[in-house]
Amino acid sequence: LLRPSRHLSLSHLPKKTSKSSRNIHRLSSDIRSKNMNIFAKKPTAKEALRESKRDMANATRGVEREITTLQLEEKKLVAEIKRTAKTGNEAATKILARQLVRLRQQIANLQGSRAQMRGVSIHTQAMAAQSSVGVGMKGASKAMAAMNKQMAPAKQAKVIQEFQKQSAQMDMTTEMMSDAIDDALDNDEAEEETEELTNQVLDEIGVDVASQLSAAPKGKIAGKKTEDAGSSGIDELEKRLAALRNA
C-alpha cells in the first residue's frame, strides 16, 4: 500500500473559493439591505406625495420625449413617401404608407398615455388636498372640543349666576355709599339756602309759598322723620345684601 505524502499538492483540486466568496458577499449584501429596509423611517403622506409627483413627472417627460422623436420620424417618413411617389414606385410607396400609419398609431397611443398620466397626477394632487382638508378639520375639531370643554353649559351658567350676584351686590354697595356721602355733605345751611332759593323762584312765578307750606311739619320733628326714613332705607339695603351673601 502506498502512503499519502505529507507534502501532497492541492493544485489539482478545483478552485471554488472565489465563487463561494462571491455568493457569501451577495448574501450579506441582501441581508444588509433588508435590515436597512426594516429600520428605515416610514415616509409621511407629504413625502410620499412628493415622491409620487416626481416619479410621475419623470415618466411624463419620458413619454413626451418619445412622442417628439416619433413626430420627427413621421416628418422624415412623409418626405420619403413623397420622393418615392415621384419616382413612380407604387409598391415602395404603399409599404412606406403602412409604416406611416403604424407610426401615427404609436404617437396616438403615447399621447393617450400622457393624458392618462396627467390625469393620475391631477387626481393625486386632489387627494392630497382632501387629505390636507381632513387634517385641518381634525385640528379644528380638537380645538373646538377643548373650547367646549372649557365652556361647559353648567359651568358657564354658574359663572353667569355668580356675576349677576356680585353685580347686584356692587350696585347696592354703591347706592349705600352714595346715600351716605349725600347725608354727610348735607347740612342745615344748605337746606336753608335751598329753601330760600326755592321760595324766591316760586315768588317770581307767582306762587304763594306761605299758603302752600303752612301745613308742612317744621323743626326737629320734620328732621326726625327724615332721619327715620333714611335709616329705614339703609336697613332695607343691608337686608338685601345679607340675602345675597346667603344665596
C-alpha atoms as a PDB file:
ATOM      1  CA  LEU A   1       0.000   0.000   0.000  1.00  0.00           C
ATOM      2  CA  LEU A   2       1.146   3.486  -0.809  1.00  0.00           C
ATOM      3  CA  ARG A   3       1.214   6.026   1.965  1.00  0.00           C
ATOM      4  CA  PRO A   4      -0.048   9.522   1.170  1.00  0.00           C
ATOM      5  CA  SER A   5       2.665  12.094   1.048  1.00  0.00           C
ATOM      6  CA  ARG A   6       2.675  14.818   3.643  1.00  0.00           C
ATOM      7  CA  HIS A   7       3.530  17.423   1.012  1.00  0.00           C
ATOM      8  CA  LEU A   8       0.728  16.492  -1.355  1.00  0.00           C
ATOM      9  CA  SER A   9      -0.044  19.415  -3.639  1.00  0.00           C
ATOM     10  CA  LEU A  10      -3.616  20.696  -3.833  1.00  0.00           C
ATOM     11  CA  SER A  11      -3.161  22.473  -7.125  1.00  0.00           C
ATOM     12  CA  HIS A  12      -5.066  19.795  -8.967  1.00  0.00           C
ATOM     13  CA  LEU A  13      -8.232  20.462  -6.895  1.00  0.00           C
ATOM     14  CA  PRO A  14     -10.910  22.697  -8.475  1.00  0.00           C
ATOM     15  CA  LYS A  15     -10.873  26.305  -7.356  1.00  0.00           C
ATOM     16  CA  LYS A  16     -14.299  27.049  -5.879  1.00  0.00           C
ATOM     17  CA  THR A  17     -13.300  29.513  -3.214  1.00  0.00           C
ATOM     18  CA  SER A  18     -13.748  32.619  -5.356  1.00  0.00           C
ATOM     19  CA  LYS A  19     -17.287  31.696  -6.400  1.00  0.00           C
ATOM     20  CA  SER A  20     -18.252  30.805  -2.856  1.00  0.00           C
ATOM     21  CA  SER A  21     -16.913  34.099  -1.577  1.00  0.00           C
ATOM     22  CA  ARG A  22     -18.963  35.971  -4.163  1.00  0.00           C
ATOM     23  CA  ASN A  23     -22.095  34.137  -3.084  1.00  0.00           C
ATOM     24  CA  ILE A  24     -21.394  34.914   0.551  1.00  0.00           C
ATOM     25  CA  HIS A  25     -20.783  38.566  -0.272  1.00  0.00           C
ATOM     26  CA  ARG A  26     -24.042  38.767  -2.230  1.00  0.00           C
ATOM     27  CA  LEU A  27     -25.964  37.116   0.591  1.00  0.00           C
ATOM     28  CA  SER A  28     -24.528  39.507   3.165  1.00  0.00           C
ATOM     29  CA  SER A  29     -25.424  42.462   0.934  1.00  0.00           C
ATOM     30  CA  ASP A  30     -29.004  41.235   0.667  1.00  0.00           C
ATOM     31  CA  ILE A  31     -29.213  40.829   4.423  1.00  0.00           C
ATOM     32  CA  ARG A  32     -27.875  44.353   4.990  1.00  0.00           C
ATOM     33  CA  SER A  33     -30.346  45.836   2.514  1.00  0.00           C
ATOM     34  CA  LYS A  34     -33.242  44.010   4.164  1.00  0.00           C
ATOM     35  CA  ASN A  35     -32.155  45.216   7.582  1.00  0.00           C
ATOM     36  CA  MET A  36     -31.931  48.762   6.270  1.00  0.00           C
ATOM     37  CA  ASN A  37     -35.442  48.472   4.845  1.00  0.00           C
ATOM     38  CA  ILE A  38     -36.723  47.183   8.179  1.00  0.00           C
ATOM     39  CA  PHE A  39     -35.231  50.048  10.174  1.00  0.00           C
ATOM     40  CA  ALA A  40     -35.910  52.711   7.549  1.00  0.00           C
ATOM     41  CA  LYS A  41     -38.251  55.508   8.552  1.00  0.00           C
ATOM     42  CA  LYS A  42     -41.697  55.227   7.051  1.00  0.00           C
ATOM     43  CA  PRO A  43     -42.341  58.207   4.757  1.00  0.00           C
ATOM     44  CA  THR A  44     -45.075  60.627   5.672  1.00  0.00           C
ATOM     45  CA  ALA A  45     -48.045  61.347   3.434  1.00  0.00           C
ATOM     46  CA  LYS A  46     -46.431  64.579   2.222  1.00  0.00           C
ATOM     47  CA  GLU A  47     -43.167  62.823   1.402  1.00  0.00           C
ATOM     48  CA  ALA A  48     -44.999  60.012  -0.394  1.00  0.00           C
ATOM     49  CA  LEU A  49     -46.932  62.580  -2.420  1.00  0.00           C
ATOM     50  CA  ARG A  50     -43.719  64.407  -3.340  1.00  0.00           C
ATOM     51  CA  GLU A  51     -42.104  61.137  -4.426  1.00  0.00           C
ATOM     52  CA  SER A  52     -45.153  60.170  -6.474  1.00  0.00           C
ATOM     53  CA  LYS A  53     -45.242  63.556  -8.199  1.00  0.00           C
ATOM     54  CA  ARG A  54     -41.545  63.320  -9.011  1.00  0.00           C
ATOM     55  CA  ASP A  55     -41.915  59.818 -10.466  1.00  0.00           C
ATOM     56  CA  MET A  56     -44.969  60.837 -12.477  1.00  0.00           C
ATOM     57  CA  ALA A  57     -43.210  63.930 -13.823  1.00  0.00           C
ATOM     58  CA  ASN A  58     -40.195  61.872 -14.890  1.00  0.00           C
ATOM     59  CA  ALA A  59     -42.409  59.318 -16.618  1.00  0.00           C
ATOM     60  CA  THR A  60     -44.392  62.060 -18.369  1.00  0.00           C
ATOM     61  CA  ARG A  61     -41.215  63.719 -19.628  1.00  0.00           C
ATOM     62  CA  GLY A  62     -40.017  60.361 -20.944  1.00  0.00           C
ATOM     63  CA  VAL A  63     -43.262  59.851 -22.865  1.00  0.00           C
ATOM     64  CA  GLU A  64     -43.086  63.390 -24.251  1.00  0.00           C
ATOM     65  CA  ARG A  65     -39.535  62.811 -25.470  1.00  0.00           C
ATOM     66  CA  GLU A  66     -40.661  59.621 -27.186  1.00  0.00           C
ATOM     67  CA  ILE A  67     -43.555  61.463 -28.835  1.00  0.00           C
ATOM     68  CA  THR A  68     -41.193  64.174 -30.095  1.00  0.00           C
ATOM     69  CA  THR A  69     -38.841  61.550 -31.542  1.00  0.00           C
ATOM     70  CA  LEU A  70     -41.687  59.753 -33.315  1.00  0.00           C
ATOM     71  CA  GLN A  71     -43.042  63.019 -34.704  1.00  0.00           C
ATOM     72  CA  LEU A  72     -39.634  63.758 -36.226  1.00  0.00           C
ATOM     73  CA  GLU A  73     -39.628  60.266 -37.728  1.00  0.00           C
ATOM     74  CA  GLU A  74     -43.097  60.960 -39.086  1.00  0.00           C
ATOM     75  CA  LYS A  75     -41.888  64.075 -40.901  1.00  0.00           C
ATOM     76  CA  LYS A  76     -38.964  62.175 -42.386  1.00  0.00           C
ATOM     77  CA  LEU A  77     -41.235  59.327 -43.470  1.00  0.00           C
ATOM     78  CA  VAL A  78     -43.700  61.707 -45.122  1.00  0.00           C
ATOM     79  CA  ALA A  79     -40.860  63.323 -47.064  1.00  0.00           C
ATOM     80  CA  GLU A  80     -39.599  59.887 -48.123  1.00  0.00           C
ATOM     81  CA  ILE A  81     -43.078  58.846 -49.257  1.00  0.00           C
ATOM     82  CA  LYS A  82     -43.308  61.955 -51.430  1.00  0.00           C
ATOM     83  CA  ARG A  83     -39.935  61.255 -53.012  1.00  0.00           C
ATOM     84  CA  THR A  84     -40.846  57.619 -53.634  1.00  0.00           C
ATOM     85  CA  ALA A  85     -44.177  58.574 -55.147  1.00  0.00           C
ATOM     86  CA  LYS A  86     -42.440  60.924 -57.575  1.00  0.00           C
ATOM     87  CA  THR A  87     -40.275  58.057 -58.818  1.00  0.00           C
ATOM     88  CA  GLY A  88     -43.393  56.029 -59.627  1.00  0.00           C
ATOM     89  CA  ASN A  89     -42.514  53.104 -57.341  1.00  0.00           C
ATOM     90  CA  GLU A  90     -46.018  52.202 -56.177  1.00  0.00           C
ATOM     91  CA  ALA A  91     -45.064  49.136 -54.083  1.00  0.00           C
ATOM     92  CA  ALA A  92     -42.453  51.008 -52.057  1.00  0.00           C
ATOM     93  CA  THR A  93     -44.853  53.902 -51.611  1.00  0.00           C
ATOM     94  CA  LYS A  94     -47.529  51.580 -50.146  1.00  0.00           C
ATOM     95  CA  ILE A  95     -45.042  49.988 -47.763  1.00  0.00           C
ATOM     96  CA  LEU A  96     -43.938  53.397 -46.532  1.00  0.00           C
ATOM     97  CA  ALA A  97     -47.557  54.463 -46.187  1.00  0.00           C
ATOM     98  CA  ARG A  98     -48.294  51.442 -43.958  1.00  0.00           C
ATOM     99  CA  GLN A  99     -45.276  52.354 -41.828  1.00  0.00           C
ATOM    100  CA  LEU A 100     -46.626  55.892 -41.537  1.00  0.00           C
ATOM    101  CA  VAL A 101     -50.000  54.568 -40.353  1.00  0.00           C
ATOM    102  CA  ARG A 102     -48.379  52.396 -37.667  1.00  0.00           C
ATOM    103  CA  LEU A 103     -46.140  55.272 -36.612  1.00  0.00           C
ATOM    104  CA  ARG A 104     -49.084  57.603 -36.199  1.00  0.00           C
ATOM    105  CA  GLN A 105     -50.899  54.942 -34.169  1.00  0.00           C
ATOM    106  CA  GLN A 106     -47.909  54.721 -31.849  1.00  0.00           C
ATOM    107  CA  ILE A 107     -47.893  58.501 -31.472  1.00  0.00           C
ATOM    108  CA  ALA A 108     -51.621  58.483 -30.689  1.00  0.00           C
ATOM    109  CA  ASN A 109     -51.152  55.743 -28.088  1.00  0.00           C
ATOM    110  CA  LEU A 110     -48.331  57.643 -26.430  1.00  0.00           C
ATOM    111  CA  GLN A 111     -50.404  60.822 -26.389  1.00  0.00           C
ATOM    112  CA  GLY A 112     -53.206  58.891 -24.711  1.00  0.00           C
ATOM    113  CA  SER A 113     -50.775  57.527 -22.144  1.00  0.00           C
ATOM    114  CA  ARG A 114     -49.501  61.045 -21.479  1.00  0.00           C
ATOM    115  CA  ALA A 115     -53.052  62.283 -20.934  1.00  0.00           C
ATOM    116  CA  GLN A 116     -53.735  59.420 -18.523  1.00  0.00           C
ATOM    117  CA  MET A 117     -50.568  60.141 -16.586  1.00  0.00           C
ATOM    118  CA  ARG A 118     -51.510  63.791 -16.280  1.00  0.00           C
ATOM    119  CA  GLY A 119     -54.946  62.736 -15.078  1.00  0.00           C
ATOM    120  CA  VAL A 120     -53.377  60.496 -12.451  1.00  0.00           C
ATOM    121  CA  SER A 121     -51.146  63.355 -11.320  1.00  0.00           C
ATOM    122  CA  ILE A 122     -54.115  65.711 -11.021  1.00  0.00           C
ATOM    123  CA  HIS A 123     -56.085  63.070  -9.119  1.00  0.00           C
ATOM    124  CA  THR A 124     -53.160  62.569  -6.749  1.00  0.00           C
ATOM    125  CA  GLN A 125     -52.958  66.296  -6.086  1.00  0.00           C
ATOM    126  CA  ALA A 126     -56.709  66.399  -5.443  1.00  0.00           C
ATOM    127  CA  MET A 127     -56.370  63.540  -2.972  1.00  0.00           C
ATOM    128  CA  ALA A 128     -53.552  65.392  -1.244  1.00  0.00           C
ATOM    129  CA  ALA A 129     -55.741  68.491  -0.999  1.00  0.00           C
ATOM    130  CA  GLN A 130     -58.557  66.427   0.504  1.00  0.00           C
ATOM    131  CA  SER A 131     -56.095  64.926   2.951  1.00  0.00           C
ATOM    132  CA  SER A 132     -54.967  68.420   3.957  1.00  0.00           C
ATOM    133  CA  VAL A 133     -58.585  69.436   4.466  1.00  0.00           C
ATOM    134  CA  GLY A 134     -59.111  66.360   6.613  1.00  0.00           C
ATOM    135  CA  VAL A 135     -56.077  67.159   8.724  1.00  0.00           C
ATOM    136  CA  GLY A 136     -57.263  70.747   9.126  1.00  0.00           C
ATOM    137  CA  MET A 137     -60.747  69.616  10.151  1.00  0.00           C
ATOM    138  CA  LYS A 138     -59.240  67.202  12.640  1.00  0.00           C
ATOM    139  CA  GLY A 139     -57.220  70.001  14.228  1.00  0.00           C
ATOM    140  CA  ALA A 140     -60.244  72.310  14.266  1.00  0.00           C
ATOM    141  CA  SER A 141     -62.349  69.586  15.889  1.00  0.00           C
ATOM    142  CA  LYS A 142     -59.771  69.153  18.635  1.00  0.00           C
ATOM    143  CA  ALA A 143     -59.651  72.908  19.229  1.00  0.00           C
ATOM    144  CA  MET A 144     -63.453  73.152  19.340  1.00  0.00           C
ATOM    145  CA  ALA A 145     -63.650  70.192  21.717  1.00  0.00           C
ATOM    146  CA  ALA A 146     -61.150  71.866  24.043  1.00  0.00           C
ATOM    147  CA  MET A 147     -63.098  75.133  23.908  1.00  0.00           C
ATOM    148  CA  ASN A 148     -66.406  73.367  24.562  1.00  0.00           C
ATOM    149  CA  LYS A 149     -64.815  71.548  27.474  1.00  0.00           C
ATOM    150  CA  GLN A 150     -63.729  74.853  28.972  1.00  0.00           C
ATOM    151  CA  MET A 151     -67.110  76.457  28.240  1.00  0.00           C
ATOM    152  CA  ALA A 152     -69.360  73.743  29.674  1.00  0.00           C
ATOM    153  CA  PRO A 153     -73.008  74.919  29.895  1.00  0.00           C
ATOM    154  CA  ALA A 154     -73.359  74.118  33.593  1.00  0.00           C
ATOM    155  CA  LYS A 155     -70.074  75.835  34.414  1.00  0.00           C
ATOM    156  CA  GLN A 156     -70.970  78.911  32.344  1.00  0.00           C
ATOM    157  CA  ALA A 157     -74.421  79.123  33.976  1.00  0.00           C
ATOM    158  CA  LYS A 158     -72.754  79.074  37.386  1.00  0.00           C
ATOM    159  CA  VAL A 159     -70.327  81.805  36.291  1.00  0.00           C
ATOM    160  CA  ILE A 160     -73.186  83.962  34.971  1.00  0.00           C
ATOM    161  CA  GLN A 161     -75.163  83.469  38.176  1.00  0.00           C
ATOM    162  CA  GLU A 162     -72.171  84.475  40.276  1.00  0.00           C
ATOM    163  CA  PHE A 163     -71.595  87.515  38.061  1.00  0.00           C
ATOM    164  CA  GLN A 164     -75.213  88.635  38.477  1.00  0.00           C
ATOM    165  CA  LYS A 165     -74.970  88.171  42.237  1.00  0.00           C
ATOM    166  CA  GLN A 166     -71.749  90.161  42.524  1.00  0.00           C
ATOM    167  CA  SER A 167     -73.071  92.846  40.181  1.00  0.00           C
ATOM    168  CA  ALA A 168     -76.233  93.309  42.253  1.00  0.00           C
ATOM    169  CA  GLN A 169     -74.178  93.437  45.446  1.00  0.00           C
ATOM    170  CA  MET A 170     -71.892  96.055  43.921  1.00  0.00           C
ATOM    171  CA  ASP A 171     -74.872  98.157  42.806  1.00  0.00           C
ATOM    172  CA  MET A 172     -76.361  98.140  46.311  1.00  0.00           C
ATOM    173  CA  THR A 173     -72.996  98.910  47.880  1.00  0.00           C
ATOM    174  CA  THR A 174     -72.531 101.830  45.501  1.00  0.00           C
ATOM    175  CA  GLU A 175     -76.031 103.088  46.293  1.00  0.00           C
ATOM    176  CA  MET A 176     -75.387 102.885  50.043  1.00  0.00           C
ATOM    177  CA  MET A 177     -72.095 104.737  49.722  1.00  0.00           C
ATOM    178  CA  SER A 178     -73.722 107.408  47.578  1.00  0.00           C
ATOM    179  CA  ASP A 179     -76.529 107.902  50.110  1.00  0.00           C
ATOM    180  CA  ALA A 180     -74.043 108.043  52.968  1.00  0.00           C
ATOM    181  CA  ILE A 181     -71.940 110.628  51.177  1.00  0.00           C
ATOM    182  CA  ASP A 182     -75.016 112.712  50.374  1.00  0.00           C
ATOM    183  CA  ASP A 183     -76.133 112.563  54.009  1.00  0.00           C
ATOM    184  CA  ALA A 184     -72.668 113.571  55.221  1.00  0.00           C
ATOM    185  CA  LEU A 185     -72.455 116.546  52.875  1.00  0.00           C
ATOM    186  CA  ASP A 186     -75.953 117.867  53.536  1.00  0.00           C
ATOM    187  CA  ASN A 187     -76.315 120.383  56.403  1.00  0.00           C
ATOM    188  CA  ASP A 188     -78.835 122.836  57.729  1.00  0.00           C
ATOM    189  CA  GLU A 189     -77.307 125.833  55.992  1.00  0.00           C
ATOM    190  CA  ALA A 190     -77.513 124.123  52.650  1.00  0.00           C
ATOM    191  CA  GLU A 191     -81.133 123.245  53.354  1.00  0.00           C
ATOM    192  CA  GLU A 192     -81.916 126.860  54.331  1.00  0.00           C
ATOM    193  CA  GLU A 193     -80.228 128.218  51.216  1.00  0.00           C
ATOM    194  CA  THR A 194     -82.085 125.722  49.115  1.00  0.00           C
ATOM    195  CA  GLU A 195     -85.364 126.689  50.752  1.00  0.00           C
ATOM    196  CA  GLU A 196     -84.717 130.411  50.207  1.00  0.00           C
ATOM    197  CA  LEU A 197     -83.833 129.861  46.554  1.00  0.00           C
ATOM    198  CA  THR A 198     -86.914 127.738  46.121  1.00  0.00           C
ATOM    199  CA  ASN A 199     -89.160 130.389  47.697  1.00  0.00           C
ATOM    200  CA  GLN A 200     -87.542 133.075  45.565  1.00  0.00           C
ATOM    201  CA  VAL A 201     -88.202 131.128  42.399  1.00  0.00           C
ATOM    202  CA  LEU A 202     -91.771 130.417  43.465  1.00  0.00           C
ATOM    203  CA  ASP A 203     -92.331 134.110  44.256  1.00  0.00           C
ATOM    204  CA  GLU A 204     -91.051 135.046  40.823  1.00  0.00           C
ATOM    205  CA  ILE A 205     -93.530 132.785  39.132  1.00  0.00           C
ATOM    206  CA  GLY A 206     -96.396 133.968  41.363  1.00  0.00           C
ATOM    207  CA  VAL A 207     -96.862 131.044  43.736  1.00  0.00           C
ATOM    208  CA  ASP A 208     -97.808 131.755  47.382  1.00  0.00           C
ATOM    209  CA  VAL A 209     -95.244 129.760  49.355  1.00  0.00           C
ATOM    210  CA  ALA A 210     -96.716 130.541  52.757  1.00  0.00           C
ATOM    211  CA  SER A 211    -100.136 129.165  51.939  1.00  0.00           C
ATOM    212  CA  GLN A 212     -98.674 126.068  50.290  1.00  0.00           C
ATOM    213  CA  LEU A 213     -96.226 125.254  53.065  1.00  0.00           C
ATOM    214  CA  SER A 214     -98.326 126.209  56.121  1.00  0.00           C
ATOM    215  CA  ALA A 215     -99.340 122.621  56.742  1.00  0.00           C
ATOM    216  CA  ALA A 216     -95.851 121.209  56.343  1.00  0.00           C
ATOM    217  CA  PRO A 217     -94.095 119.955  59.565  1.00  0.00           C
ATOM    218  CA  LYS A 218     -91.212 122.063  60.793  1.00  0.00           C
ATOM    219  CA  GLY A 219     -88.219 121.895  63.086  1.00  0.00           C
ATOM    220  CA  LYS A 220     -86.907 118.803  64.775  1.00  0.00           C
ATOM    221  CA  ILE A 221     -89.969 116.709  64.079  1.00  0.00           C
ATOM    222  CA  ALA A 222     -89.507 117.010  60.341  1.00  0.00           C
ATOM    223  CA  GLY A 223     -85.797 116.300  60.701  1.00  0.00           C
ATOM    224  CA  LYS A 224     -86.516 113.259  62.793  1.00  0.00           C
ATOM    225  CA  LYS A 225     -88.910 111.920  60.186  1.00  0.00           C
ATOM    226  CA  THR A 226     -86.262 112.436  57.517  1.00  0.00           C
ATOM    227  CA  GLU A 227     -83.670 110.607  59.589  1.00  0.00           C
ATOM    228  CA  ASP A 228     -86.127 107.767  60.235  1.00  0.00           C
ATOM    229  CA  ALA A 229     -86.795 107.468  56.504  1.00  0.00           C
ATOM    230  CA  GLY A 230     -83.067 107.386  55.749  1.00  0.00           C
ATOM    231  CA  SER A 231     -82.450 104.768  58.453  1.00  0.00           C
ATOM    232  CA  SER A 232     -85.240 102.563  57.151  1.00  0.00           C
ATOM    233  CA  GLY A 233     -83.762 102.780  53.599  1.00  0.00           C
ATOM    234  CA  ILE A 234     -80.305 101.763  54.834  1.00  0.00           C
ATOM    235  CA  ASP A 235     -81.792  98.902  56.842  1.00  0.00           C
ATOM    236  CA  GLU A 236     -83.580  97.678  53.739  1.00  0.00           C
ATOM    237  CA  LEU A 237     -80.346  97.749  51.699  1.00  0.00           C
ATOM    238  CA  GLU A 238     -78.493  95.866  54.431  1.00  0.00           C
ATOM    239  CA  LYS A 239     -81.197  93.186  54.427  1.00  0.00           C
ATOM    240  CA  ARG A 240     -80.866  92.787  50.658  1.00  0.00           C
ATOM    241  CA  LEU A 241     -77.074  92.496  50.936  1.00  0.00           C
ATOM    242  CA  ALA A 242     -77.399  89.837  53.624  1.00  0.00           C
ATOM    243  CA  ALA A 243     -79.826  87.902  51.431  1.00  0.00           C
ATOM    244  CA  LEU A 244     -77.343  87.994  48.528  1.00  0.00           C
ATOM    245  CA  ARG A 245     -74.479  86.792  50.718  1.00  0.00           C
ATOM    246  CA  ASN A 246     -76.550  83.839  51.925  1.00  0.00           C
ATOM    247  CA  ALA A 247     -77.700  82.953  48.383  1.00  0.00           C
END
